[in-house]
N, C-alpha and C. Protein backbone atom coordinates (compact mmCIF):
# COMPACT_ATOMS: atom_id res chain seq x y z
N MET A 1 -13.87 -38.28 7.71
CA MET A 1 -15.43 -37.61 7.39
C MET A 1 -15.86 -37.00 8.06
N LYS A 2 -15.34 -36.50 9.40
CA LYS A 2 -15.69 -35.77 10.41
C LYS A 2 -15.06 -34.06 9.77
N ILE A 3 -13.75 -34.36 9.17
CA ILE A 3 -13.01 -33.11 8.61
C ILE A 3 -14.13 -32.38 7.58
N ILE A 4 -14.51 -33.40 6.90
CA ILE A 4 -15.60 -33.03 5.32
C ILE A 4 -16.78 -32.46 5.98
N LEU A 5 -17.77 -32.97 7.04
CA LEU A 5 -18.66 -32.36 7.20
C LEU A 5 -18.59 -30.90 8.13
N SER A 6 -17.35 -31.21 8.96
CA SER A 6 -17.22 -30.36 9.47
C SER A 6 -17.09 -28.22 8.66
N ILE A 7 -16.01 -28.99 7.37
CA ILE A 7 -16.03 -28.00 5.95
C ILE A 7 -17.20 -27.68 5.55
N LEU A 8 -18.04 -28.47 5.49
CA LEU A 8 -19.65 -28.38 4.77
C LEU A 8 -20.20 -26.97 5.67
N PHE A 9 -20.21 -27.64 6.80
CA PHE A 9 -21.19 -26.95 8.08
C PHE A 9 -20.52 -25.37 8.05
N CYS A 10 -19.40 -25.34 8.24
CA CYS A 10 -18.71 -23.74 7.90
C CYS A 10 -19.05 -23.41 6.98
N MET A 11 -19.16 -23.92 5.60
CA MET A 11 -19.54 -23.41 4.10
C MET A 11 -20.62 -22.85 4.29
N SER A 12 -21.63 -23.59 4.78
CA SER A 12 -23.25 -23.74 4.52
C SER A 12 -23.57 -22.35 6.03
N LEU A 13 -22.58 -22.22 6.90
CA LEU A 13 -23.14 -21.34 7.92
C LEU A 13 -22.76 -19.73 7.44
N GLN A 14 -21.58 -19.30 6.91
CA GLN A 14 -21.02 -18.72 6.04
C GLN A 14 -22.15 -17.86 4.93
N MET A 15 -22.43 -18.87 4.32
CA MET A 15 -24.02 -18.70 2.98
C MET A 15 -25.12 -18.03 3.66
N CYS A 16 -25.61 -18.94 4.88
CA CYS A 16 -26.48 -18.97 5.47
C CYS A 16 -26.65 -17.03 6.09
N THR A 17 -26.13 -16.76 6.91
CA THR A 17 -26.15 -15.48 7.14
C THR A 17 -24.72 -15.15 7.58
N GLN A 18 -24.86 -13.64 7.68
CA GLN A 18 -23.38 -12.85 7.40
C GLN A 18 -23.86 -11.52 8.06
N VAL A 19 -22.59 -11.41 9.07
CA VAL A 19 -22.65 -9.92 9.80
C VAL A 19 -21.69 -9.36 9.34
N LYS A 20 -21.77 -7.70 9.30
CA LYS A 20 -20.65 -6.65 9.18
C LYS A 20 -19.72 -6.80 10.34
N GLN A 21 -18.35 -7.07 10.18
CA GLN A 21 -17.50 -7.48 10.97
C GLN A 21 -17.18 -6.38 11.51
N PRO A 22 -17.22 -5.97 12.82
CA PRO A 22 -16.40 -4.89 13.84
C PRO A 22 -15.20 -4.19 13.08
N GLU A 23 -14.74 -3.32 13.28
CA GLU A 23 -13.48 -2.58 13.16
C GLU A 23 -12.49 -3.29 14.03
N LYS A 24 -10.96 -3.61 14.07
CA LYS A 24 -9.93 -4.35 15.09
C LYS A 24 -10.18 -2.92 15.69
N SER A 25 -9.96 -2.64 16.95
CA SER A 25 -9.69 -1.42 17.88
C SER A 25 -7.94 -1.49 18.65
N THR A 26 -7.79 -0.80 19.17
CA THR A 26 -6.31 -1.30 19.99
C THR A 26 -6.41 -2.22 21.18
N SER A 27 -7.68 -1.53 22.10
CA SER A 27 -8.39 -2.23 22.89
C SER A 27 -8.83 -3.66 22.77
N MET A 28 -9.01 -4.86 23.34
CA MET A 28 -9.68 -5.97 23.03
C MET A 28 -11.22 -6.11 23.80
N GLU A 29 -10.84 -4.85 24.63
CA GLU A 29 -12.65 -4.72 25.06
C GLU A 29 -13.37 -4.27 23.74
N ASN A 30 -14.52 -5.05 24.08
CA ASN A 30 -16.17 -4.70 23.30
C ASN A 30 -16.15 -3.40 23.38
N SER A 31 -16.88 -2.59 22.87
CA SER A 31 -17.37 -0.88 22.97
C SER A 31 -18.82 -1.25 23.65
N THR A 32 -18.99 -2.51 23.42
CA THR A 32 -20.51 -2.99 24.34
C THR A 32 -20.76 -2.29 25.04
N SER A 33 -19.88 -2.36 26.13
CA SER A 33 -20.01 -1.95 27.99
C SER A 33 -19.98 -0.58 28.31
N LYS A 34 -19.48 0.55 27.15
CA LYS A 34 -19.65 1.93 27.48
C LYS A 34 -20.86 2.63 27.85
N ASN A 35 -21.88 2.37 26.76
CA ASN A 35 -22.96 3.06 27.18
C ASN A 35 -24.36 1.61 27.43
N ASN A 36 -24.12 0.63 28.09
CA ASN A 36 -24.75 -0.34 28.52
C ASN A 36 -25.28 -0.66 30.03
N PRO A 37 -26.60 -0.22 30.47
CA PRO A 37 -26.72 -0.22 31.61
C PRO A 37 -26.69 -1.32 32.53
N TYR A 38 -26.74 -2.34 31.36
CA TYR A 38 -26.69 -3.69 31.96
C TYR A 38 -25.10 -4.54 31.76
N TYR A 39 -24.11 -3.94 31.62
CA TYR A 39 -23.26 -4.40 31.76
C TYR A 39 -22.66 -4.59 33.28
N SER A 40 -22.18 -5.75 33.47
CA SER A 40 -21.13 -5.84 34.95
C SER A 40 -20.91 -7.17 34.34
N ARG A 41 -19.52 -7.20 35.19
CA ARG A 41 -18.26 -8.43 35.31
C ARG A 41 -18.25 -8.96 36.36
N THR A 42 -19.14 -8.92 37.63
CA THR A 42 -19.49 -9.34 38.62
C THR A 42 -21.11 -9.82 39.06
N ASP A 43 -22.17 -9.09 38.44
CA ASP A 43 -23.47 -9.70 39.03
C ASP A 43 -23.93 -10.62 38.12
N ARG A 44 -24.42 -11.64 38.57
CA ARG A 44 -24.73 -12.52 37.61
C ARG A 44 -26.50 -12.72 37.85
N THR A 45 -27.00 -11.88 38.49
CA THR A 45 -28.58 -12.06 38.38
C THR A 45 -29.35 -11.52 36.74
N LYS A 46 -30.00 -12.51 36.96
CA LYS A 46 -30.91 -13.15 35.10
C LYS A 46 -31.26 -11.42 34.98
N LEU A 47 -31.07 -11.21 33.65
CA LEU A 47 -31.75 -9.85 33.11
C LEU A 47 -33.07 -10.16 31.86
N ASP A 48 -33.64 -9.73 32.06
CA ASP A 48 -35.03 -9.70 31.30
C ASP A 48 -35.04 -8.53 30.49
N VAL A 49 -34.48 -8.29 29.86
CA VAL A 49 -34.51 -7.03 28.62
C VAL A 49 -35.07 -7.32 27.63
N PRO A 50 -35.96 -6.68 26.91
CA PRO A 50 -36.74 -6.50 25.57
C PRO A 50 -35.59 -6.04 24.47
N ASN A 51 -35.80 -7.23 23.23
CA ASN A 51 -35.34 -6.77 22.17
C ASN A 51 -34.99 -5.46 21.76
N SER A 52 -36.16 -4.49 21.89
CA SER A 52 -36.31 -3.19 21.54
C SER A 52 -35.48 -2.50 22.56
N GLU A 53 -35.21 -3.09 23.77
CA GLU A 53 -34.18 -1.92 24.62
C GLU A 53 -32.94 -2.52 23.95
N TRP A 54 -32.44 -3.72 23.62
CA TRP A 54 -31.01 -3.78 23.57
C TRP A 54 -30.87 -3.23 22.10
N LYS A 55 -31.63 -3.06 21.32
CA LYS A 55 -31.50 -2.64 19.80
C LYS A 55 -30.74 -1.39 19.97
N LYS A 56 -31.38 -0.61 21.04
CA LYS A 56 -31.12 0.76 21.09
C LYS A 56 -29.40 0.98 22.12
N ILE A 57 -29.23 -0.16 22.68
CA ILE A 57 -28.53 0.18 23.22
C ILE A 57 -26.63 -0.79 22.32
N LEU A 58 -26.90 -1.58 22.14
CA LEU A 58 -25.54 -2.54 20.89
C LEU A 58 -25.39 -1.97 19.91
N PRO A 59 -24.20 -2.55 19.58
CA PRO A 59 -23.97 -2.15 18.20
C PRO A 59 -24.58 -2.69 17.36
N GLU A 60 -24.84 -2.29 15.83
CA GLU A 60 -25.53 -3.54 15.04
C GLU A 60 -25.17 -4.84 14.98
N ASP A 61 -23.67 -4.99 15.04
CA ASP A 61 -23.27 -6.22 14.75
C ASP A 61 -23.20 -6.99 16.10
N VAL A 62 -23.08 -6.88 17.26
CA VAL A 62 -23.09 -7.21 18.11
C VAL A 62 -24.73 -7.94 18.37
N TYR A 63 -25.52 -7.11 18.21
CA TYR A 63 -27.17 -6.99 18.12
C TYR A 63 -27.81 -8.28 17.18
N ALA A 64 -27.07 -8.37 16.00
CA ALA A 64 -27.46 -9.08 15.05
C ALA A 64 -27.03 -10.70 15.45
N VAL A 65 -26.09 -10.70 15.52
CA VAL A 65 -25.14 -11.81 16.04
C VAL A 65 -25.84 -12.43 17.64
N SER A 66 -26.00 -11.32 18.70
CA SER A 66 -26.26 -12.20 20.08
C SER A 66 -27.93 -11.61 20.35
N ARG A 67 -28.84 -11.14 19.80
CA ARG A 67 -29.71 -11.29 20.18
C ARG A 67 -30.84 -11.58 18.41
N GLU A 68 -30.43 -11.96 17.40
CA GLU A 68 -30.87 -12.57 16.27
C GLU A 68 -30.61 -13.69 15.73
N ALA A 69 -29.28 -14.38 16.36
CA ALA A 69 -28.45 -15.49 16.42
C ALA A 69 -27.90 -15.58 14.80
N ASN A 70 -27.82 -14.46 14.41
CA ASN A 70 -27.03 -14.65 12.86
C ASN A 70 -25.63 -15.18 13.39
N THR A 71 -24.37 -14.82 12.31
CA THR A 71 -23.08 -15.81 12.85
C THR A 71 -22.29 -15.06 11.97
N GLU A 72 -21.45 -14.43 12.49
CA GLU A 72 -20.12 -13.83 11.92
C GLU A 72 -19.10 -15.21 10.50
N ARG A 73 -18.64 -14.35 9.54
CA ARG A 73 -17.86 -15.14 8.69
C ARG A 73 -16.84 -15.77 9.14
N PRO A 74 -16.55 -16.96 8.99
CA PRO A 74 -15.31 -17.84 9.46
C PRO A 74 -14.29 -17.06 9.45
N GLY A 75 -13.50 -16.89 10.41
CA GLY A 75 -12.00 -16.64 10.33
C GLY A 75 -11.52 -15.08 9.94
N THR A 76 -12.97 -14.29 10.13
CA THR A 76 -13.36 -12.88 10.50
C THR A 76 -13.06 -12.29 11.90
N GLY A 77 -13.42 -13.39 13.05
CA GLY A 77 -13.42 -12.68 14.41
C GLY A 77 -12.19 -12.74 14.94
N LYS A 78 -12.05 -11.38 15.95
CA LYS A 78 -10.81 -10.89 16.39
C LYS A 78 -10.14 -11.79 17.34
N TYR A 79 -11.32 -12.87 17.75
CA TYR A 79 -10.77 -13.83 19.28
C TYR A 79 -10.54 -15.00 18.06
N ASN A 80 -10.66 -15.37 17.13
CA ASN A 80 -10.27 -16.63 16.40
C ASN A 80 -9.11 -17.38 16.20
N VAL A 81 -7.88 -16.50 16.15
CA VAL A 81 -6.67 -17.08 16.52
C VAL A 81 -5.94 -16.20 17.86
N TYR A 82 -6.67 -15.92 18.48
CA TYR A 82 -6.02 -14.85 19.85
C TYR A 82 -5.67 -15.78 20.87
N ASP A 83 -4.76 -15.89 21.33
CA ASP A 83 -4.11 -16.65 22.28
C ASP A 83 -3.49 -15.89 23.60
N GLU A 84 -3.87 -14.61 23.96
CA GLU A 84 -3.77 -14.18 24.96
C GLU A 84 -4.29 -14.70 26.07
N LYS A 85 -3.58 -14.91 27.85
CA LYS A 85 -4.57 -15.77 29.05
C LYS A 85 -5.09 -14.72 29.45
N GLY A 86 -6.35 -15.10 29.48
CA GLY A 86 -7.49 -14.50 30.31
C GLY A 86 -8.67 -15.14 30.28
N ASP A 87 -9.46 -14.08 30.48
CA ASP A 87 -10.90 -14.42 30.43
C ASP A 87 -12.11 -13.78 29.08
N TYR A 88 -12.90 -14.57 28.99
CA TYR A 88 -13.90 -13.96 27.84
C TYR A 88 -15.56 -14.03 28.34
N TYR A 89 -15.72 -12.90 28.35
CA TYR A 89 -17.62 -12.68 29.11
C TYR A 89 -18.05 -12.21 27.81
N CYS A 90 -19.55 -12.33 28.58
CA CYS A 90 -20.66 -11.76 27.37
C CYS A 90 -20.44 -10.43 26.83
N ALA A 91 -20.54 -10.19 25.86
CA ALA A 91 -19.95 -8.94 24.95
C ALA A 91 -21.11 -8.06 25.83
N VAL A 92 -22.89 -8.42 25.39
CA VAL A 92 -23.80 -7.88 26.16
C VAL A 92 -23.97 -7.23 27.28
N CYS A 93 -23.85 -8.75 28.20
CA CYS A 93 -23.87 -8.25 29.81
C CYS A 93 -22.67 -7.88 30.34
N GLY A 94 -21.79 -8.78 30.12
CA GLY A 94 -20.67 -8.79 30.79
C GLY A 94 -20.37 -10.23 32.03
N ASN A 95 -21.46 -11.13 31.76
CA ASN A 95 -21.11 -12.20 32.36
C ASN A 95 -20.21 -13.25 31.97
N HIS A 96 -19.51 -14.07 32.60
CA HIS A 96 -18.25 -14.72 32.54
C HIS A 96 -18.81 -16.01 31.99
N LEU A 97 -18.09 -16.22 30.86
CA LEU A 97 -18.42 -17.06 29.97
C LEU A 97 -17.16 -18.54 29.83
N PHE A 98 -15.98 -17.66 29.73
CA PHE A 98 -15.30 -18.94 29.32
C PHE A 98 -13.27 -18.41 29.76
N ARG A 99 -12.51 -19.46 30.13
CA ARG A 99 -11.16 -19.14 30.65
C ARG A 99 -9.99 -19.68 29.38
N SER A 100 -9.33 -18.51 28.91
CA SER A 100 -8.37 -18.75 27.95
C SER A 100 -7.70 -20.40 27.72
N ASP A 101 -7.34 -21.23 29.06
CA ASP A 101 -6.83 -21.92 29.12
C ASP A 101 -8.02 -23.05 28.63
N ALA A 102 -8.84 -22.65 28.12
CA ALA A 102 -10.18 -23.94 27.67
C ALA A 102 -10.46 -23.78 26.16
N LYS A 103 -9.40 -22.46 25.75
CA LYS A 103 -9.61 -22.42 24.13
C LYS A 103 -8.70 -23.66 23.70
N PHE A 104 -8.73 -23.64 22.19
CA PHE A 104 -8.09 -24.38 21.49
C PHE A 104 -8.00 -24.08 19.83
N ALA A 105 -6.83 -24.34 19.43
CA ALA A 105 -6.63 -23.80 17.78
C ALA A 105 -7.61 -24.78 16.98
N SER A 106 -8.80 -24.75 16.54
CA SER A 106 -9.89 -25.45 15.71
C SER A 106 -9.56 -24.98 14.40
N THR A 107 -9.79 -25.40 13.49
CA THR A 107 -9.88 -25.16 11.89
C THR A 107 -11.44 -24.78 11.26
N CYS A 108 -12.00 -24.46 12.11
CA CYS A 108 -13.40 -24.27 12.03
C CYS A 108 -13.65 -23.31 11.45
N GLY A 109 -12.94 -21.68 11.89
CA GLY A 109 -12.97 -20.24 11.76
C GLY A 109 -13.59 -19.63 12.75
N TRP A 110 -14.00 -19.94 14.19
CA TRP A 110 -14.03 -19.54 14.93
C TRP A 110 -13.39 -19.40 16.31
N PRO A 111 -13.41 -18.81 17.31
CA PRO A 111 -12.81 -19.32 18.34
C PRO A 111 -13.61 -20.57 19.09
N SER A 112 -13.28 -21.63 19.58
CA SER A 112 -12.92 -22.47 20.30
C SER A 112 -12.58 -22.93 21.24
N PHE A 113 -13.55 -23.26 22.29
CA PHE A 113 -13.03 -23.81 23.54
C PHE A 113 -14.30 -25.23 24.11
N PHE A 114 -13.11 -25.65 24.67
CA PHE A 114 -13.35 -27.27 24.89
C PHE A 114 -14.56 -27.16 26.29
N GLU A 115 -14.19 -26.09 26.85
CA GLU A 115 -15.25 -26.14 28.57
C GLU A 115 -15.77 -24.68 28.55
N ALA A 116 -17.16 -24.65 29.19
CA ALA A 116 -17.87 -23.54 29.43
C ALA A 116 -17.84 -23.07 30.80
N ASP A 117 -17.78 -21.92 31.17
CA ASP A 117 -18.50 -21.58 32.53
C ASP A 117 -19.75 -22.18 32.81
N LYS A 118 -20.17 -23.35 33.16
CA LYS A 118 -21.21 -23.83 34.04
C LYS A 118 -22.00 -23.12 34.38
N GLN A 119 -21.90 -21.74 34.97
CA GLN A 119 -22.55 -20.62 35.96
C GLN A 119 -22.79 -19.65 34.85
N GLY A 120 -21.72 -19.75 33.56
CA GLY A 120 -22.73 -18.87 32.72
C GLY A 120 -23.03 -19.12 31.49
N THR A 121 -23.12 -20.20 31.21
CA THR A 121 -24.14 -20.41 29.99
C THR A 121 -24.98 -21.64 29.84
N THR A 122 -26.00 -21.35 29.27
CA THR A 122 -27.22 -22.25 29.22
C THR A 122 -27.51 -22.89 27.48
N TYR A 123 -28.18 -23.22 27.30
CA TYR A 123 -27.84 -24.51 26.21
C TYR A 123 -29.53 -24.78 25.81
N LYS A 124 -29.83 -24.63 24.04
CA LYS A 124 -31.30 -25.01 23.75
C LYS A 124 -30.68 -25.80 22.33
N ARG A 125 -31.87 -26.32 22.14
CA ARG A 125 -32.12 -27.20 20.66
C ARG A 125 -32.20 -26.04 19.32
N ASP A 126 -31.18 -25.87 18.69
CA ASP A 126 -31.24 -25.17 17.20
C ASP A 126 -31.49 -25.84 16.10
N SER A 127 -32.52 -26.14 15.81
CA SER A 127 -32.99 -26.68 14.30
C SER A 127 -33.50 -26.08 13.12
N THR A 128 -32.47 -24.70 12.93
CA THR A 128 -32.41 -23.57 11.86
C THR A 128 -31.69 -24.68 10.52
N TYR A 129 -32.20 -23.82 9.60
CA TYR A 129 -31.02 -24.35 8.23
C TYR A 129 -31.18 -25.65 8.11
N GLY A 130 -32.06 -26.28 8.98
CA GLY A 130 -32.23 -27.95 8.39
C GLY A 130 -30.98 -28.59 9.36
N MET A 131 -30.82 -28.30 10.46
CA MET A 131 -29.65 -28.91 11.02
C MET A 131 -30.02 -28.63 12.61
N GLU A 132 -29.88 -30.22 13.02
CA GLU A 132 -29.85 -30.33 14.56
C GLU A 132 -28.58 -30.47 14.84
N ARG A 133 -28.22 -29.07 16.03
CA ARG A 133 -27.30 -28.38 16.59
C ARG A 133 -27.95 -27.91 18.23
N THR A 134 -26.98 -27.35 18.95
CA THR A 134 -26.70 -27.09 20.54
C THR A 134 -26.38 -25.80 20.55
N GLU A 135 -27.33 -24.71 21.14
CA GLU A 135 -27.21 -23.26 20.68
C GLU A 135 -26.53 -23.08 22.26
N VAL A 136 -25.82 -22.27 22.33
CA VAL A 136 -25.28 -21.86 23.35
C VAL A 136 -25.55 -20.16 23.60
N LEU A 137 -26.35 -19.97 25.10
CA LEU A 137 -26.62 -18.83 25.27
C LEU A 137 -25.90 -18.31 26.45
N CYS A 138 -26.19 -17.11 26.83
CA CYS A 138 -25.69 -16.78 28.15
C CYS A 138 -26.49 -16.84 28.69
N LYS A 139 -26.52 -17.60 30.50
CA LYS A 139 -27.26 -17.60 31.00
C LYS A 139 -27.56 -16.41 31.57
N ARG A 140 -27.05 -15.26 31.57
CA ARG A 140 -27.30 -14.21 32.04
C ARG A 140 -28.54 -13.21 31.37
N CYS A 141 -28.49 -13.31 29.84
CA CYS A 141 -29.23 -12.40 29.33
C CYS A 141 -29.84 -13.11 28.21
N ASP A 142 -29.63 -14.34 27.73
CA ASP A 142 -29.79 -15.02 26.77
C ASP A 142 -29.40 -14.75 25.21
N SER A 143 -28.61 -14.06 25.46
CA SER A 143 -27.68 -13.45 23.97
C SER A 143 -27.07 -15.19 23.81
N HIS A 144 -27.07 -15.03 22.18
CA HIS A 144 -26.40 -16.33 21.55
C HIS A 144 -24.95 -15.86 20.88
N LEU A 145 -24.36 -17.00 21.79
CA LEU A 145 -22.75 -17.09 21.49
C LEU A 145 -22.26 -18.42 20.14
N GLY A 146 -22.86 -19.15 20.20
CA GLY A 146 -22.69 -19.78 19.29
C GLY A 146 -23.18 -21.47 19.26
N HIS A 147 -22.24 -22.32 19.22
CA HIS A 147 -22.97 -23.67 19.31
C HIS A 147 -21.95 -24.76 19.59
N VAL A 148 -22.63 -25.89 20.14
CA VAL A 148 -21.46 -26.54 21.02
C VAL A 148 -21.75 -28.11 20.30
N PHE A 149 -20.36 -28.60 19.65
CA PHE A 149 -20.46 -29.82 18.97
C PHE A 149 -19.36 -31.03 19.79
N ASN A 150 -19.71 -32.11 19.84
CA ASN A 150 -19.33 -33.40 20.10
C ASN A 150 -18.01 -33.93 19.60
N ASP A 151 -17.12 -33.01 18.54
CA ASP A 151 -16.12 -33.16 18.00
C ASP A 151 -14.80 -32.51 18.25
N GLY A 152 -14.85 -32.11 19.72
CA GLY A 152 -13.88 -31.48 20.58
C GLY A 152 -12.47 -32.39 20.94
N PRO A 153 -11.21 -31.43 21.82
CA PRO A 153 -10.69 -32.59 22.02
C PRO A 153 -11.00 -32.81 23.25
N PRO A 154 -10.14 -33.47 24.17
CA PRO A 154 -9.92 -34.14 25.25
C PRO A 154 -9.75 -32.64 26.11
N PRO A 155 -9.92 -33.13 27.68
CA PRO A 155 -10.66 -33.85 28.16
C PRO A 155 -12.30 -33.80 28.42
N THR A 156 -13.09 -32.99 27.39
CA THR A 156 -14.49 -32.82 27.33
C THR A 156 -14.53 -33.89 26.21
N GLY A 157 -13.91 -33.60 25.29
CA GLY A 157 -14.53 -33.95 23.84
C GLY A 157 -15.49 -33.00 23.06
N THR A 158 -15.67 -31.63 23.74
CA THR A 158 -16.65 -30.81 22.97
C THR A 158 -16.23 -29.84 22.83
N ARG A 159 -16.34 -29.20 21.32
CA ARG A 159 -15.84 -27.89 21.11
C ARG A 159 -17.28 -26.93 20.99
N TYR A 160 -16.69 -25.90 21.59
CA TYR A 160 -17.85 -24.07 21.63
C TYR A 160 -17.21 -23.64 20.86
N CYS A 161 -18.27 -23.68 20.34
CA CYS A 161 -17.67 -22.86 18.68
C CYS A 161 -18.44 -21.62 18.46
N MET A 162 -17.65 -20.12 18.98
CA MET A 162 -18.55 -18.92 19.33
C MET A 162 -18.10 -17.70 18.53
N ASN A 163 -19.06 -16.74 18.50
CA ASN A 163 -18.71 -15.99 17.65
C ASN A 163 -18.08 -14.91 18.46
N SER A 164 -16.63 -14.34 17.53
CA SER A 164 -16.16 -13.09 18.43
C SER A 164 -17.02 -12.51 18.85
N VAL A 165 -17.73 -11.87 18.23
CA VAL A 165 -18.36 -10.46 18.27
C VAL A 165 -19.07 -10.89 19.78
N SER A 166 -19.73 -11.60 19.72
CA SER A 166 -20.63 -12.37 21.29
C SER A 166 -19.67 -12.03 22.63
N LEU A 167 -18.19 -11.68 22.47
CA LEU A 167 -17.31 -12.12 23.16
C LEU A 167 -16.50 -10.98 23.82
N ASP A 168 -16.23 -10.66 25.24
CA ASP A 168 -15.16 -9.47 25.81
C ASP A 168 -14.18 -10.34 26.15
N PHE A 169 -13.00 -9.52 25.97
CA PHE A 169 -11.81 -10.48 26.78
C PHE A 169 -11.47 -9.54 27.55
N VAL A 170 -11.19 -10.21 28.73
CA VAL A 170 -10.19 -9.52 29.62
C VAL A 170 -8.60 -10.00 29.61
N GLY A 171 -7.32 -9.56 29.61
CA GLY A 171 -6.40 -10.18 29.98
C GLY A 171 -6.15 -10.55 31.20
N ASP A 172 -5.04 -11.81 31.80
CA ASP A 172 -4.99 -11.47 33.25
C ASP A 172 -3.66 -10.59 33.48
N SER A 173 -2.89 -9.95 32.57
CA SER A 173 -1.93 -8.30 32.44
C SER A 173 -3.15 -7.56 32.84
N GLU A 174 -4.33 -7.25 32.45
CA GLU A 174 -5.05 -6.01 32.60
C GLU A 174 -5.78 -6.44 34.06
N LYS A 175 -5.99 -7.98 34.33
CA LYS A 175 -6.60 -7.44 35.64
C LYS A 175 -5.25 -7.48 36.61
N ASP A 176 -4.10 -7.95 36.46
CA ASP A 176 -3.17 -7.73 37.65
C ASP A 176 -2.37 -5.98 37.81
N ALA A 177 -3.06 -5.25 37.22
CA ALA A 177 -2.36 -4.16 36.81
C ALA A 177 -3.60 -3.14 37.54
N LYS A 178 -4.85 -3.56 38.09
CA LYS A 178 -5.93 -3.10 38.43
C LYS A 178 -5.86 -3.02 40.17
């Protein structure tokens, strides 16, 4: 029954909101950080930036998902089946969100994690589209990342279903090279 509900949920999300997908680049890092004065992977200071400012800074697809809570199409995100070791950060502000060790292969069509950085994420009730869900937001910039569900694997039983476009990835090999 959970599988059927998961499939129906994924299909309904696909029909409700679709975002133009970013082109894949050779660098796994999102281009968001290049012209973004608020982007930092070390500063956890809460940001209070109006959407009018974010709209000037962020690429259209990142803005649509992170600031307007749209959803990328299932199975299209660059991190959906990505399995390199490293860390995932908020594509909008650079805040740490997930470690790759908490990522697992799910069949929902989006990158899934069983655990989030408690210092990097916050949650709110989401009743859109006639569903009751828990939205996951970046704790630093309040950007929409995805949703969390209670159908994940052990040890937590949770599934953080995230939009790839909301994430930046830095591999362990990149950190070791610096």
